[in-house]
Amino acid sequence: MSKALYTGSFDPVTNGHIDIIKRAAKLFDHLVVGVIENPQKTPLFTVEERVEMLEDLFKDVSNISVESFRGLLADYVNRNDFTAIIRGLRAITDFEYEISMAQMNANLFNEGVESVFLMTRPENSFVSSSMIKEVVSLGGNAAGLVPDVILKRMREKYSLR
C-alpha cells in the first residue's frame, strides 16, 4: 500500500494547498496531510484549528487523513512508514529550496521513501499563506484564494466581518 505525506503549516490552508492535496490523493492509496507544529512561530490558527479545518474540508475523501506533528520531518516519516513525501512547487525559488531539502532528507529517510514534486496550477502560482494573511489582516479581499469557510474564519480572527 502506498502511503504519502503532504506537510505544511497550512496557516491558512489555501486553494493551492487544496489542489495539491486532491491531486496527490489520486496518486496514492492513502494521503496524510501533516500539519507542522512549529513552536518558534506564532500562527494565526492553532494546530488544533488547522487540523479541524482540514478534516472538515476533506471529510468526504476516504483516503485522506489529517495529523499534526512536531520535530524532525524525517523522524515522523520513518516512524510512520510513508512511501513518499509530497511537495508543491510554485516557482523556481521553491524548487531551489525544495531540492536541497529533498537531498538532505534522502540521507535521513528510510530506504524507499521518495520525494514527489507537484507543480501548482498557474492560477495558484502566486498564492502563499503569508500573503493571504497580510491581505486579509489589512481588510483586503482574498476571495477565491482560500475556501470561503477559511476566509470567514480569518476575518473573525482579525475581527473583520
Protein backbone atom coordinates (compact mmCIF):
# COMPACT_ATOMS: atom_id res chain seq x y z
CA MET A 1 0.00 0.00 0.00
CA SER A 2 1.36 3.41 -0.95
CA LYS A 3 1.18 5.99 1.80
CA ALA A 4 2.21 9.59 1.18
CA LEU A 5 2.63 12.62 3.41
CA TYR A 6 1.99 16.23 2.39
CA THR A 7 3.23 18.61 5.07
CA GLY A 8 2.86 22.29 5.72
CA SER A 9 1.83 24.81 8.29
CA PHE A 10 -1.48 25.37 6.44
CA ASP A 11 -1.89 28.68 8.26
CA PRO A 12 -4.22 29.14 6.48
CA VAL A 13 -4.85 26.35 4.00
CA THR A 14 -5.07 27.89 0.52
CA ASN A 15 -6.73 26.79 -2.69
CA GLY A 16 -3.21 25.94 -3.89
CA HIS A 17 -2.77 23.53 -0.97
CA ILE A 18 -6.18 22.03 -1.63
CA ASP A 19 -5.35 21.45 -5.28
CA ILE A 20 -2.09 19.66 -4.40
CA ILE A 21 -3.89 17.55 -1.76
CA LYS A 22 -6.61 16.47 -4.18
CA ARG A 23 -4.14 15.62 -6.91
CA ALA A 24 -1.80 13.73 -4.55
CA ALA A 25 -4.73 11.74 -3.14
CA LYS A 26 -5.34 10.37 -6.65
CA LEU A 27 -1.74 9.10 -6.86
CA PHE A 28 -1.53 7.20 -3.56
CA ASP A 29 -3.65 4.70 -1.66
CA HIS A 30 -3.54 6.93 1.42
CA LEU A 31 -2.52 10.56 1.85
CA VAL A 32 -1.79 12.06 5.25
CA VAL A 33 -1.94 15.83 5.44
CA GLY A 34 0.61 16.63 8.12
CA VAL A 35 0.15 19.92 9.94
CA ILE A 36 3.53 21.01 11.22
CA GLU A 37 3.58 22.33 14.76
CA ASN A 38 6.40 24.85 14.98
CA PRO A 39 6.73 26.32 18.49
CA GLN A 40 9.04 29.06 17.13
CA LYS A 41 6.23 30.59 15.06
CA THR A 42 3.12 32.46 16.13
CA PRO A 43 0.41 31.20 13.78
CA LEU A 44 -2.97 32.79 13.13
CA PHE A 45 -4.72 29.47 13.82
CA THR A 46 -3.81 26.93 16.48
CA VAL A 47 -2.67 23.50 15.36
CA GLU A 48 -5.98 22.10 16.54
CA GLU A 49 -7.91 24.64 14.47
CA ARG A 50 -5.84 23.91 11.36
CA VAL A 51 -6.34 20.15 11.76
CA GLU A 52 -10.08 20.64 12.29
CA MET A 53 -10.43 22.87 9.21
CA LEU A 54 -8.54 20.41 7.01
CA GLU A 55 -10.53 17.47 8.34
CA ASP A 56 -13.74 19.33 7.56
CA LEU A 57 -12.59 20.21 4.03
CA PHE A 58 -11.70 16.58 3.25
CA LYS A 59 -14.28 14.70 5.33
CA ASP A 60 -15.76 13.13 2.19
CA VAL A 61 -12.45 11.88 0.77
CA SER A 62 -11.88 8.40 2.17
CA ASN A 63 -8.14 8.13 1.52
CA ILE A 64 -7.16 11.44 3.16
CA SER A 65 -6.45 11.83 6.86
CA VAL A 66 -5.07 14.79 8.80
CA GLU A 67 -2.50 14.65 11.60
CA SER A 68 -0.25 17.12 13.35
CA PHE A 69 3.35 16.61 14.35
CA ARG A 70 6.40 18.44 15.63
CA GLY A 71 10.06 17.77 15.35
CA LEU A 72 12.19 16.49 12.52
CA LEU A 73 10.24 15.51 9.42
CA ALA A 74 12.47 12.51 8.79
CA ASP A 75 11.71 11.09 12.24
CA TYR A 76 7.97 11.38 11.62
CA VAL A 77 8.29 9.86 8.15
CA ASN A 78 10.42 6.95 9.32
CA ARG A 79 8.18 6.17 12.32
CA ASN A 80 5.05 6.10 10.17
CA ASP A 81 6.22 4.06 7.17
CA PHE A 82 5.49 6.58 4.44
CA THR A 83 6.48 5.67 0.90
CA ALA A 84 6.51 9.25 -0.40
CA ILE A 85 6.66 12.86 0.63
CA ILE A 86 4.65 15.32 -1.47
CA ARG A 87 5.97 18.80 -2.07
CA GLY A 88 4.21 21.53 -4.01
CA LEU A 89 6.19 23.86 -6.24
CA ARG A 90 5.04 27.32 -7.31
CA ALA A 91 8.14 28.87 -8.82
CA ILE A 92 11.84 28.29 -9.43
CA THR A 93 12.63 29.68 -5.98
CA ASP A 94 10.50 26.92 -4.42
CA PHE A 95 12.39 24.35 -6.49
CA GLU A 96 15.79 25.58 -5.29
CA TYR A 97 14.73 25.31 -1.66
CA GLU A 98 12.84 22.03 -2.06
CA ILE A 99 15.60 20.23 -3.97
CA SER A 100 18.10 20.96 -1.21
CA MET A 101 15.61 19.74 1.41
CA ALA A 102 14.88 16.58 -0.62
CA GLN A 103 18.58 15.84 -0.92
CA MET A 104 19.08 16.24 2.84
CA ASN A 105 16.00 14.14 3.56
CA ALA A 106 17.25 11.40 1.23
CA ASN A 107 20.05 10.91 3.74
CA LEU A 108 17.64 10.83 6.68
CA PHE A 109 14.66 8.88 5.37
CA ASN A 110 14.36 5.11 5.49
CA GLU A 111 15.25 3.38 2.25
CA GLY A 112 12.50 3.57 -0.35
CA VAL A 113 10.95 6.89 0.68
CA GLU A 114 10.65 9.17 -2.35
CA SER A 115 10.13 12.91 -2.65
CA VAL A 116 7.41 13.69 -5.18
CA PHE A 117 7.07 17.22 -6.54
CA LEU A 118 3.79 18.51 -7.91
CA MET A 119 3.64 21.79 -9.76
CA THR A 120 0.89 24.14 -8.70
CA ARG A 121 -1.68 25.14 -11.24
CA PRO A 122 -0.93 28.54 -12.82
CA GLU A 123 -3.87 30.23 -11.10
CA ASN A 124 -2.34 29.35 -7.71
CA SER A 125 1.29 30.10 -8.53
CA PHE A 126 1.34 33.41 -6.67
CA VAL A 127 -0.68 32.31 -3.64
CA SER A 128 1.00 31.91 -0.27
CA SER A 129 -0.44 31.65 3.23
CA SER A 130 1.63 34.59 4.46
CA MET A 131 0.48 36.80 1.59
CA ILE A 132 -3.16 35.89 2.22
CA LYS A 133 -2.81 36.65 5.94
CA GLU A 134 -1.36 40.05 5.14
CA VAL A 135 -4.13 40.90 2.65
CA VAL A 136 -6.94 39.80 4.97
CA SER A 137 -5.40 41.44 8.06
CA LEU A 138 -5.42 44.75 6.17
CA GLY A 139 -9.03 44.33 5.09
CA GLY A 140 -8.29 43.20 1.54
CA ASN A 141 -10.22 40.65 -0.46
CA ALA A 142 -8.75 37.14 -0.66
CA ALA A 143 -11.92 35.53 -2.03
CA GLY A 144 -11.12 32.75 -4.46
CA LEU A 145 -7.67 32.18 -2.93
CA VAL A 146 -8.87 30.27 0.11
CA PRO A 147 -12.12 28.38 0.68
CA ASP A 148 -14.96 30.66 1.78
CA VAL A 149 -15.16 28.94 5.18
CA ILE A 150 -11.46 29.64 5.78
CA LEU A 151 -11.81 33.27 4.69
CA LYS A 152 -14.71 33.68 7.12
CA ARG A 153 -12.63 32.27 9.98
CA MET A 154 -9.70 34.52 9.06
CA ARG A 155 -11.93 37.58 9.10
CA GLU A 156 -13.22 36.53 12.51
CA LYS A 157 -9.64 36.17 13.79
CA TYR A 158 -8.83 39.65 12.51
CA SER A 159 -12.26 40.93 13.66
CA LEU A 160 -13.14 41.94 10.09
CA ARG A 161 -16.71 40.96 9.42
